[in-house]
Amino acid sequence: MDDAYLMNALGEYLTVLVLFLVLAAPALVGHLHERRIDRQLKAAAQAARPVTRTRTRTRTRTRAQKSSSRSTVPSTATWYADGRRSKKLVSS
């Protein structure tokens, strides 16, 4: 009776393990695919860094910076915060 019980328990454990692997396999394959893409992107970024740095250095040397060259349109966060402040002033 003990041998049959052990074989039955072993069969159940193996069944659960196989089902887990079948369900987890697509996620594991996707994770490995994403890691490979991340490595490729990192390698491409490192290969492109020296080219990008020389271009930005050339641009900053030739062009003078002006403080008034950027627009003064407030950001969405500033607009939202101003709206919240005005509502608080009206309600209190």
C-alpha atoms as a PDB file:
ATOM      1  CA  MET A   1       0.000   0.000   0.000  1.00  0.00           C
ATOM      2  CA  ASP A   2       2.895   2.356   0.730  1.00  0.00           C
ATOM      3  CA  ASP A   3       4.431   1.817  -2.715  1.00  0.00           C
ATOM      4  CA  ALA A   4       1.175   2.645  -4.479  1.00  0.00           C
ATOM      5  CA  TYR A   5       0.746   5.763  -2.348  1.00  0.00           C
ATOM      6  CA  LEU A   6       4.282   6.957  -3.138  1.00  0.00           C
ATOM      7  CA  MET A   7       3.843   6.353  -6.867  1.00  0.00           C
ATOM      8  CA  ASN A   8       0.530   8.183  -6.827  1.00  0.00           C
ATOM      9  CA  ALA A   9       2.034  11.148  -4.938  1.00  0.00           C
ATOM     10  CA  LEU A  10       5.017  11.231  -7.289  1.00  0.00           C
ATOM     11  CA  GLY A  11       2.695  11.220 -10.284  1.00  0.00           C
ATOM     12  CA  GLU A  12       0.681  14.101  -8.814  1.00  0.00           C
ATOM     13  CA  TYR A  13       3.803  16.140  -8.097  1.00  0.00           C
ATOM     14  CA  LEU A  14       5.086  15.584 -11.623  1.00  0.00           C
ATOM     15  CA  THR A  15       1.698  16.543 -13.050  1.00  0.00           C
ATOM     16  CA  VAL A  16       1.697  19.804 -11.093  1.00  0.00           C
ATOM     17  CA  LEU A  17       5.291  20.515 -12.146  1.00  0.00           C
ATOM     18  CA  VAL A  18       4.531  19.903 -15.823  1.00  0.00           C
ATOM     19  CA  LEU A  19       1.420  22.100 -15.682  1.00  0.00           C
ATOM     20  CA  PHE A  20       3.424  24.874 -14.000  1.00  0.00           C
ATOM     21  CA  LEU A  21       6.114  24.671 -16.671  1.00  0.00           C
ATOM     22  CA  VAL A  22       3.539  24.711 -19.470  1.00  0.00           C
ATOM     23  CA  LEU A  23       1.879  27.794 -17.993  1.00  0.00           C
ATOM     24  CA  ALA A  24       5.119  29.598 -17.127  1.00  0.00           C
ATOM     25  CA  ALA A  25       7.014  28.837 -20.349  1.00  0.00           C
ATOM     26  CA  PRO A  26       5.522  31.677 -22.464  1.00  0.00           C
ATOM     27  CA  ALA A  27       6.305  34.228 -19.765  1.00  0.00           C
ATOM     28  CA  LEU A  28       9.856  32.945 -19.398  1.00  0.00           C
ATOM     29  CA  VAL A  29      10.428  32.978 -23.160  1.00  0.00           C
ATOM     30  CA  GLY A  30       9.063  36.545 -23.348  1.00  0.00           C
ATOM     31  CA  HIS A  31      11.307  37.627 -20.481  1.00  0.00           C
ATOM     32  CA  LEU A  32      14.379  36.185 -22.193  1.00  0.00           C
ATOM     33  CA  HIS A  33      13.377  37.898 -25.442  1.00  0.00           C
ATOM     34  CA  GLU A  34      13.043  41.259 -23.656  1.00  0.00           C
ATOM     35  CA  ARG A  35      16.457  40.836 -22.000  1.00  0.00           C
ATOM     36  CA  ARG A  36      18.042  40.130 -25.401  1.00  0.00           C
ATOM     37  CA  ILE A  37      16.457  43.254 -26.865  1.00  0.00           C
ATOM     38  CA  ASP A  38      17.627  45.320 -23.879  1.00  0.00           C
ATOM     39  CA  ARG A  39      21.194  44.079 -24.380  1.00  0.00           C
ATOM     40  CA  GLN A  40      21.048  44.961 -28.073  1.00  0.00           C
ATOM     41  CA  LEU A  41      19.696  48.446 -27.330  1.00  0.00           C
ATOM     42  CA  LYS A  42      22.369  49.041 -24.702  1.00  0.00           C
ATOM     43  CA  ALA A  43      25.107  47.936 -27.096  1.00  0.00           C
ATOM     44  CA  ALA A  44      23.745  50.200 -29.826  1.00  0.00           C
ATOM     45  CA  ALA A  45      23.548  53.145 -27.423  1.00  0.00           C
ATOM     46  CA  GLN A  46      27.132  52.606 -26.297  1.00  0.00           C
ATOM     47  CA  ALA A  47      28.309  52.362 -29.889  1.00  0.00           C
ATOM     48  CA  ALA A  48      26.535  55.631 -30.757  1.00  0.00           C
ATOM     49  CA  ARG A  49      27.723  57.607 -27.709  1.00  0.00           C
ATOM     50  CA  PRO A  50      31.007  58.989 -29.095  1.00  0.00           C
ATOM     51  CA  VAL A  51      29.240  60.270 -32.229  1.00  0.00           C
ATOM     52  CA  THR A  52      26.505  61.943 -30.197  1.00  0.00           C
ATOM     53  CA  ARG A  53      28.922  63.580 -27.771  1.00  0.00           C
ATOM     54  CA  THR A  54      31.023  65.212 -30.476  1.00  0.00           C
ATOM     55  CA  ARG A  55      27.924  66.555 -32.190  1.00  0.00           C
ATOM     56  CA  THR A  56      26.538  68.118 -29.010  1.00  0.00           C
ATOM     57  CA  ARG A  57      29.890  69.653 -28.126  1.00  0.00           C
ATOM     58  CA  THR A  58      30.127  71.229 -31.569  1.00  0.00           C
ATOM     59  CA  ARG A  59      26.619  72.616 -31.298  1.00  0.00           C
ATOM     60  CA  THR A  60      27.123  74.150 -27.870  1.00  0.00           C
ATOM     61  CA  ARG A  61      30.364  75.827 -28.901  1.00  0.00           C
ATOM     62  CA  THR A  62      28.961  77.408 -32.041  1.00  0.00           C
ATOM     63  CA  ARG A  63      25.599  78.548 -30.701  1.00  0.00           C
ATOM     64  CA  ALA A  64      25.320  81.050 -27.849  1.00  0.00           C
ATOM     65  CA  GLN A  65      22.666  80.353 -25.259  1.00  0.00           C
ATOM     66  CA  LYS A  66      19.930  82.914 -24.808  1.00  0.00           C
ATOM     67  CA  SER A  67      17.655  82.937 -21.824  1.00  0.00           C
ATOM     68  CA  SER A  68      14.754  84.326 -23.841  1.00  0.00           C
ATOM     69  CA  SER A  69      14.982  81.705 -26.598  1.00  0.00           C
ATOM     70  CA  ARG A  70      12.566  79.327 -24.871  1.00  0.00           C
ATOM     71  CA  SER A  71       8.851  79.952 -24.768  1.00  0.00           C
ATOM     72  CA  THR A  72       7.299  80.956 -21.475  1.00  0.00           C
ATOM     73  CA  VAL A  73       4.203  78.777 -21.794  1.00  0.00           C
ATOM     74  CA  PRO A  74       3.533  77.131 -18.424  1.00  0.00           C
ATOM     75  CA  SER A  75       3.677  73.380 -18.202  1.00  0.00           C
ATOM     76  CA  THR A  76       0.618  71.232 -17.588  1.00  0.00           C
ATOM     77  CA  ALA A  77       1.679  70.692 -13.968  1.00  0.00           C
ATOM     78  CA  THR A  78       1.896  74.459 -13.373  1.00  0.00           C
ATOM     79  CA  TRP A  79      -1.489  75.010 -14.987  1.00  0.00           C
ATOM     80  CA  TYR A  80      -3.037  72.254 -12.870  1.00  0.00           C
ATOM     81  CA  ALA A  81      -1.478  73.608  -9.666  1.00  0.00           C
ATOM     82  CA  ASP A  82      -2.695  77.145 -10.426  1.00  0.00           C
ATOM     83  CA  GLY A  83      -6.209  75.830 -10.999  1.00  0.00           C
ATOM     84  CA  ARG A  84      -6.134  73.966  -7.709  1.00  0.00           C
ATOM     85  CA  ARG A  85      -4.948  77.061  -5.833  1.00  0.00           C
ATOM     86  CA  SER A  86      -7.699  79.241  -7.260  1.00  0.00           C
ATOM     87  CA  LYS A  87     -10.341  76.674  -6.305  1.00  0.00           C
ATOM     88  CA  LYS A  88      -9.020  76.563  -2.758  1.00  0.00           C
ATOM     89  CA  LEU A  89      -9.151  80.340  -2.478  1.00  0.00           C
ATOM     90  CA  VAL A  90     -12.736  80.469  -3.723  1.00  0.00           C
ATOM     91  CA  SER A  91     -13.988  77.698  -1.475  1.00  0.00           C
ATOM     92  CA  SER A  92     -12.409  79.007   1.734  1.00  0.00           C
END
